[in-house]
């Protein structure tokens, strides 16, 4: 049996799901023997301490390593030469001379921007962590998409604020609260991850701001524990880390067996957004359009029609269509199809339901209807999407 060292900080959902994918590969194609260490980093006397070497296996020799390497610029300082390894960098994008496991941060930022744009927001901000490439990439992609739409993004200058030498959590939360208070409202904030999203909601309480009515907050990773413990519950972008973990294990198995492989990078892909109370708001001043949007979202799992949405307002179809296009730049039917396709995506990624079962659950008259709409919206078939982003 292959002996594999796993080094991950399991306090976060992304790492736990990655390990789940590795374990699933092992159960299907192994079994492997795993060696694990406690979390990479611990706070000791107020200082960050990192593990500097691999666990001691005694007389045994590791056949492979899958590791999340934090706070170092040289993977070879950590991974011994000659041992097959797949590494997940923390502070730089990729380690040269290694197979890397990374997240598609560009897609994450773009997805967050489009989510807020679809809800009618006009004021935007990004809150990340200084010095982390993945945080910077997400923020840059978020701002780039908003710039294309004609909007500005406010950035929380974490590094500059840190230089004020306020090191306690309370002081840093106070700084974050000051920043949030200074920005125009209603404000849509993308957080670099769910932990940062929780920080933002807590800072809003300090600032006397209401979530989501003054500040809507969207996190990343869809960590159920963090999202549900946040008050109000935090909306978040789901990332298919479990699939990425499976693919990382698959790649490592080829390397341990001495097989040649040209695959250099495994990419964890964002799949969909799980909406909870922290973004349950439409920042649209036109109350008729806002009411129509809420009606569409509330009935997204039903086979709703434009006339039903019109009847939920006091306007004629012609007037509502005109206002929809003025406010959102798309028709009522376009919005219905877009929202329902998001429901399809969630079922494709999160369940093992067949295409016909999904079509029936969402009230489509047949598989051919859902297939046609999906291809128009996403540019690929339902099965192709599931193979690319669903569980492997």
Foldseek 3Di string as FASTA:
>chain_A
DAEEEEAAAPPDLLSVLLVLLLCVLCVVPHVYHYDYDHHQWDQDPNDIDGDQEGDDPDPDDHQEYEYEDEDDQACCSYDPPPHAYEYEYWQDQDHPPHFYEEAPLLVLLLQLLVVQLQLQDQAEEEEEDPRTVSSVSNVVSVQVNVVVVPGGYHYDPRVVVVVVVPDDLVVVLCVLLVVLVVTDPPYEYEYSALVRQLSNLVSCVVNVHDAPHNYAYEHEQPGVVSQVVRVVRHKYFHWNSSQLSNVSSVVSVCVSVVHDDPRRYRYTYTQAIDDTRRHPHRPFPPVLLRQLLVVLLVLLLEPDDLVVSVVSGPDDQVVNQVVCCVRNVDGSVVSSLVNNLRVLSCCLAPHPDDLQRSCVRSHHPGSVVNQVSNCVVPVDGSVVSSVVNHHD
